[in-house]
Amino acid sequence: MKPKKALAQHFLIVPQIAERIASEVFIQYPGTKVLEIGPGKGILTDQLVNKGFDLILVEADEDMTEILLKKFPSLRSRLWIDDFLKFNLETFFTYPLLIVGNFPYNISSQIVMKMISNKDHIVGLVGMFQKEVARRITSPPGSKEYGRLSVMVQAHYHVKYLFSVPPGAFSPPPQVNSGVIRLTRKHEFKLPCDEKRFRMIVKCAFNQRRKMLKNSLKSLLGDILIKEDETIWKKRPEELAVEDFVTLTNKLS
C-alpha cells in the first residue's frame, strides 16, 4: 500500500526502533493503558502487543483497517478509524492513558496541545516527532529552540529526548531527521496560577520573541510596569522558565 502524502505517511520499517520505543514504554509505564496514534501497518503495535499492553488504536486512514485487523484480530473492538484531533478522548477517561506513536509530522504539535488540554487523564507520551519539533519540546530556557510549545509542555510534564532516528528508517524516507521523546506528567501538574491567563501571556510573549517583555506584553500591561522587579521586563521570553511565567501571570493578575 502506497503512503498518502495528504496524511503525511512515513512508515517505520526498522523493527529494532519499534522495539526500542515499546521497551521504553514498558519500563516507564508498566500496566498503563496505551492509546497509539497512527499505527499504520502496525510495526509498533506488534511490539506493544508482545509486551502485553492494553491497547487502543486511532488511525485516520481507513485503508489501513484490513491490514491492522488481519495482523491483530483481537483488537477489532479497540480500533477507531478517526482523525485524532477530532477524536473524543472522553470515551476512555475512566482510566489513565499513555499516548504512543510515530506521529504525522504535519499535526504533531497539535497532538501535543490536545494532550495538554486533556492532561488530567493523560499521564504521558512516548513518540516520534520531526527532530526539530522534538528538540523544541524538550529544550531548556535560554536555548534557541525554546519557545511557546516548550513552555506549555514543560508546565505540566517532565521531558526527555531519548534518541534520534535517520530518514532511512522510514518508507518513504522523510527529508528530515526524527527524534523520539518521553513526556511524564508531573506530580503537581496543576499550575499555581490562572491557566487561561498563563496560556495567553506565554502566547503573547513568544509572538514577538525577539523583543523584551515590556514591549511584547505591552498590549496586556498598558503603561504599567512593576518597578520592584524591573529586570524581568528587560528579559526576552526564551530566558524565562515555566516558574517565571507563573510568577509573571500572578503579578499581572
Protein backbone atom coordinates (compact mmCIF):
# COMPACT_ATOMS: atom_id res chain seq x y z
CA MET A 1 0.00 0.00 0.00
CA LYS A 2 1.45 3.33 -1.04
CA PRO A 3 1.85 6.06 1.59
CA LYS A 4 -0.51 9.01 1.26
CA LYS A 5 1.04 12.45 1.11
CA ALA A 6 -2.16 14.06 2.36
CA LEU A 7 -1.79 12.11 5.62
CA ALA A 8 1.98 12.72 5.84
CA GLN A 9 2.58 8.97 6.00
CA HIS A 10 6.13 7.74 6.53
CA PHE A 11 6.01 4.13 7.69
CA LEU A 12 8.66 2.97 10.14
CA ILE A 13 10.38 -0.10 8.66
CA VAL A 14 13.06 -0.92 11.26
CA PRO A 15 11.69 -3.34 13.90
CA GLN A 16 14.57 -2.60 16.27
CA ILE A 17 13.48 1.03 16.57
CA ALA A 18 9.87 0.00 17.23
CA GLU A 19 11.10 -2.44 19.88
CA ARG A 20 13.19 0.29 21.49
CA ILE A 21 10.16 2.57 21.73
CA ALA A 22 7.99 -0.23 23.14
CA SER A 23 10.69 -1.12 25.68
CA GLU A 24 10.77 2.50 26.85
CA VAL A 25 7.01 2.35 27.36
CA PHE A 26 7.27 -0.99 29.18
CA ILE A 27 9.99 0.22 31.56
CA GLN A 28 8.45 3.59 32.37
CA TYR A 29 4.72 2.82 32.25
CA PRO A 30 4.07 -0.87 33.02
CA GLY A 31 0.39 -1.73 33.08
CA THR A 32 -0.79 1.61 31.71
CA LYS A 33 -3.47 1.64 29.01
CA VAL A 34 -1.86 2.79 25.76
CA LEU A 35 -3.50 4.85 23.03
CA GLU A 36 -1.47 4.52 19.83
CA ILE A 37 -1.95 7.27 17.27
CA GLY A 38 -1.42 6.36 13.63
CA PRO A 39 -0.46 2.67 13.89
CA GLY A 40 -0.24 2.44 10.08
CA LYS A 41 0.89 -1.08 9.17
CA GLY A 42 1.36 -1.99 12.82
CA ILE A 43 5.13 -2.29 13.30
CA LEU A 44 5.00 -0.52 16.68
CA THR A 45 1.62 -2.07 17.54
CA ASP A 46 3.21 -5.51 17.17
CA GLN A 47 5.87 -4.69 19.76
CA LEU A 48 3.32 -3.21 22.18
CA VAL A 49 1.10 -6.29 21.86
CA ASN A 50 4.09 -8.54 22.52
CA LYS A 51 4.74 -6.67 25.75
CA GLY A 52 1.17 -7.21 26.92
CA PHE A 53 -0.18 -3.66 26.76
CA ASP A 54 -3.91 -2.96 26.76
CA LEU A 55 -4.18 -1.01 23.50
CA ILE A 56 -6.48 1.48 21.83
CA LEU A 57 -5.65 2.32 18.20
CA VAL A 58 -6.66 5.53 16.43
CA GLU A 59 -5.92 5.51 12.70
CA ALA A 60 -7.04 8.22 10.25
CA ASP A 61 -6.51 6.08 7.13
CA GLU A 62 -9.48 3.76 6.57
CA ASP A 63 -7.43 1.75 4.08
CA MET A 64 -5.24 0.51 6.95
CA THR A 65 -8.19 -1.25 8.60
CA GLU A 66 -7.79 -4.54 6.70
CA ILE A 67 -4.04 -4.69 7.34
CA LEU A 68 -4.38 -3.99 11.07
CA LEU A 69 -7.29 -6.37 11.64
CA LYS A 70 -5.55 -9.16 9.76
CA LYS A 71 -2.48 -8.79 11.99
CA PHE A 72 -4.39 -8.03 15.21
CA PRO A 73 -7.89 -9.57 15.06
CA SER A 74 -8.22 -9.33 18.85
CA LEU A 75 -8.07 -5.52 18.57
CA ARG A 76 -11.18 -5.21 16.38
CA SER A 77 -13.19 -3.52 19.13
CA ARG A 78 -10.20 -1.28 20.00
CA LEU A 79 -9.52 0.10 16.52
CA TRP A 80 -11.00 3.53 15.80
CA ILE A 81 -10.83 4.95 12.27
CA ASP A 82 -10.77 8.64 13.04
CA ASP A 83 -8.71 11.82 12.98
CA PHE A 84 -7.13 12.03 16.44
CA LEU A 85 -7.57 15.80 16.51
CA LYS A 86 -11.34 15.24 16.25
CA PHE A 87 -11.38 12.07 18.33
CA ASN A 88 -13.48 12.09 21.52
CA LEU A 89 -10.98 11.10 24.21
CA GLU A 90 -13.59 11.34 26.94
CA THR A 91 -14.78 7.87 25.97
CA PHE A 92 -11.70 6.49 27.71
CA PHE A 93 -11.42 8.81 30.71
CA THR A 94 -12.32 6.08 33.21
CA TYR A 95 -8.61 5.26 33.43
CA PRO A 96 -5.23 6.98 32.87
CA LEU A 97 -3.94 6.98 29.30
CA LEU A 98 -0.48 6.97 27.76
CA ILE A 99 -0.11 8.27 24.20
CA VAL A 100 2.34 6.45 21.92
CA GLY A 101 3.05 6.73 18.23
CA ASN A 102 5.03 7.60 15.16
CA PHE A 103 3.09 10.82 14.71
CA PRO A 104 2.28 12.51 11.39
CA TYR A 105 4.70 15.42 11.42
CA ASN A 106 2.20 17.90 9.99
CA ILE A 107 -0.05 17.61 13.08
CA SER A 108 2.41 16.56 15.79
CA SER A 109 2.35 19.90 17.63
CA GLN A 110 -1.46 19.83 17.60
CA ILE A 111 -1.41 16.33 19.06
CA VAL A 112 0.71 17.61 21.94
CA MET A 113 -1.58 20.57 22.54
CA LYS A 114 -4.60 18.25 22.65
CA MET A 115 -2.71 16.11 25.17
CA ILE A 116 -2.15 19.18 27.36
CA SER A 117 -5.84 20.08 27.13
CA ASN A 118 -6.59 16.59 28.50
CA LYS A 119 -3.69 16.43 30.97
CA ASP A 120 -5.92 15.30 33.85
CA HIS A 121 -6.27 11.92 32.13
CA ILE A 122 -3.08 11.59 30.06
CA VAL A 123 -0.12 10.53 32.20
CA GLY A 124 2.49 10.73 29.49
CA LEU A 125 3.67 10.28 25.93
CA VAL A 126 6.38 8.35 24.12
CA GLY A 127 6.53 9.29 20.49
CA MET A 128 8.35 10.05 17.27
CA PHE A 129 8.47 13.62 16.01
CA GLN A 130 10.36 15.58 13.42
CA LYS A 131 13.67 16.15 15.20
CA GLU A 132 13.25 19.94 15.14
CA VAL A 133 9.91 19.65 16.97
CA ALA A 134 11.27 17.05 19.41
CA ARG A 135 14.11 19.43 20.30
CA ARG A 136 11.70 22.34 20.62
CA ILE A 137 9.54 20.43 23.11
CA THR A 138 12.47 19.26 25.25
CA SER A 139 14.77 22.30 25.11
CA PRO A 140 15.53 24.24 28.32
CA PRO A 141 15.18 28.03 28.79
CA GLY A 142 17.91 30.02 27.08
CA SER A 143 18.27 27.74 24.07
CA LYS A 144 17.37 28.86 20.57
CA GLU A 145 14.77 26.07 20.23
CA TYR A 146 12.95 27.03 23.44
CA GLY A 147 9.56 28.54 22.72
CA ARG A 148 5.85 28.54 23.38
CA LEU A 149 5.47 24.77 22.84
CA SER A 150 8.38 24.12 25.25
CA VAL A 151 6.76 26.18 28.00
CA MET A 152 3.28 24.73 27.57
CA VAL A 153 4.54 21.14 27.69
CA GLN A 154 7.08 21.64 30.47
CA ALA A 155 4.46 23.38 32.63
CA HIS A 156 2.76 20.02 33.10
CA TYR A 157 5.19 17.28 32.02
CA HIS A 158 8.78 16.25 32.65
CA VAL A 159 10.52 15.99 29.28
CA LYS A 160 13.36 13.86 27.93
CA TYR A 161 14.87 13.50 24.47
CA LEU A 162 15.54 9.77 24.03
CA PHE A 163 17.21 9.16 20.66
CA SER A 164 17.39 10.28 17.03
CA VAL A 165 16.18 8.32 14.00
CA PRO A 166 17.58 8.79 10.45
CA PRO A 167 15.36 9.17 7.36
CA GLY A 168 16.35 5.71 6.09
CA ALA A 169 14.34 4.08 8.89
CA PHE A 170 11.12 5.03 7.07
CA SER A 171 9.36 4.30 3.81
CA PRO A 172 9.32 6.67 2.07
CA PRO A 173 12.21 8.39 3.84
CA PRO A 174 11.30 11.90 5.02
CA GLN A 175 13.56 14.82 4.17
CA VAL A 176 14.25 15.43 7.86
CA ASN A 177 15.67 13.52 10.81
CA SER A 178 13.33 12.31 13.53
CA GLY A 179 13.54 12.19 17.30
CA VAL A 180 11.83 10.09 19.97
CA ILE A 181 10.90 11.82 23.21
CA ARG A 182 9.26 10.94 26.51
CA LEU A 183 6.84 13.15 28.45
CA THR A 184 5.86 12.20 32.01
CA ARG A 185 3.18 14.12 33.82
CA LYS A 186 4.41 16.00 36.87
CA HIS A 187 3.09 15.02 40.28
CA GLU A 188 1.90 18.59 40.77
CA PHE A 189 0.70 19.31 37.24
CA LYS A 190 -1.87 21.98 38.09
CA LEU A 191 -0.26 25.39 37.85
CA PRO A 192 -0.41 27.74 40.87
CA CYS A 193 -1.89 30.47 38.70
CA ASP A 194 -4.77 31.13 36.36
CA GLU A 195 -4.06 28.69 33.50
CA LYS A 196 -6.05 30.58 30.88
CA ARG A 197 -4.13 33.78 31.65
CA PHE A 198 -0.86 31.78 31.72
CA ARG A 199 -1.50 30.50 28.19
CA MET A 200 -2.38 33.99 26.99
CA ILE A 201 0.81 35.51 28.43
CA VAL A 202 3.05 32.76 27.02
CA LYS A 203 1.48 33.12 23.58
CA CYS A 204 1.71 36.92 23.62
CA ALA A 205 5.35 36.86 24.76
CA PHE A 206 6.52 34.41 22.09
CA ASN A 207 4.59 36.10 19.30
CA GLN A 208 7.40 38.68 19.47
CA ARG A 209 10.16 36.53 20.92
CA ARG A 210 13.00 38.90 19.99
CA LYS A 211 11.51 41.75 21.96
CA MET A 212 11.86 42.42 25.67
CA LEU A 213 8.82 41.52 27.72
CA LYS A 214 7.98 45.16 28.44
CA ASN A 215 7.39 45.53 24.69
CA SER A 216 5.93 42.14 23.75
CA LEU A 217 3.45 42.27 26.65
CA LYS A 218 2.57 45.92 26.21
CA SER A 219 -0.91 45.05 24.95
CA LEU A 220 -1.56 43.33 28.29
CA LEU A 221 0.36 45.73 30.52
CA GLY A 222 -0.59 49.08 29.11
CA ASP A 223 1.84 51.55 30.69
CA ILE A 224 2.08 49.64 33.98
CA LEU A 225 5.49 48.27 34.97
CA ILE A 226 6.25 46.53 38.27
CA LYS A 227 9.14 48.68 39.46
CA GLU A 228 10.26 46.45 42.34
CA ASP A 229 11.22 43.82 39.76
CA GLU A 230 12.32 45.76 36.69
CA THR A 231 14.78 43.10 35.49
CA ILE A 232 12.08 40.70 34.34
CA TRP A 233 10.64 43.28 31.93
CA LYS A 234 14.03 43.61 30.25
CA LYS A 235 14.24 39.88 29.53
CA ARG A 236 13.17 38.10 26.38
CA PRO A 237 10.67 35.22 26.62
CA GLU A 238 13.22 32.47 25.87
CA GLU A 239 15.07 33.47 29.06
CA LEU A 240 12.10 32.61 31.29
CA ALA A 241 11.48 29.19 32.82
CA VAL A 242 7.96 27.91 33.47
CA GLU A 243 8.20 29.15 37.07
CA ASP A 244 8.99 32.65 35.80
CA PHE A 245 5.90 32.65 33.60
CA VAL A 246 3.82 31.51 36.59
CA THR A 247 5.25 34.39 38.66
CA LEU A 248 4.58 36.81 35.80
CA THR A 249 1.00 35.55 35.48
CA ASN A 250 0.35 36.07 39.17
CA LYS A 251 1.90 39.57 39.06
CA LEU A 252 -0.27 40.60 36.14
CA SER A 253 -3.36 39.22 37.86
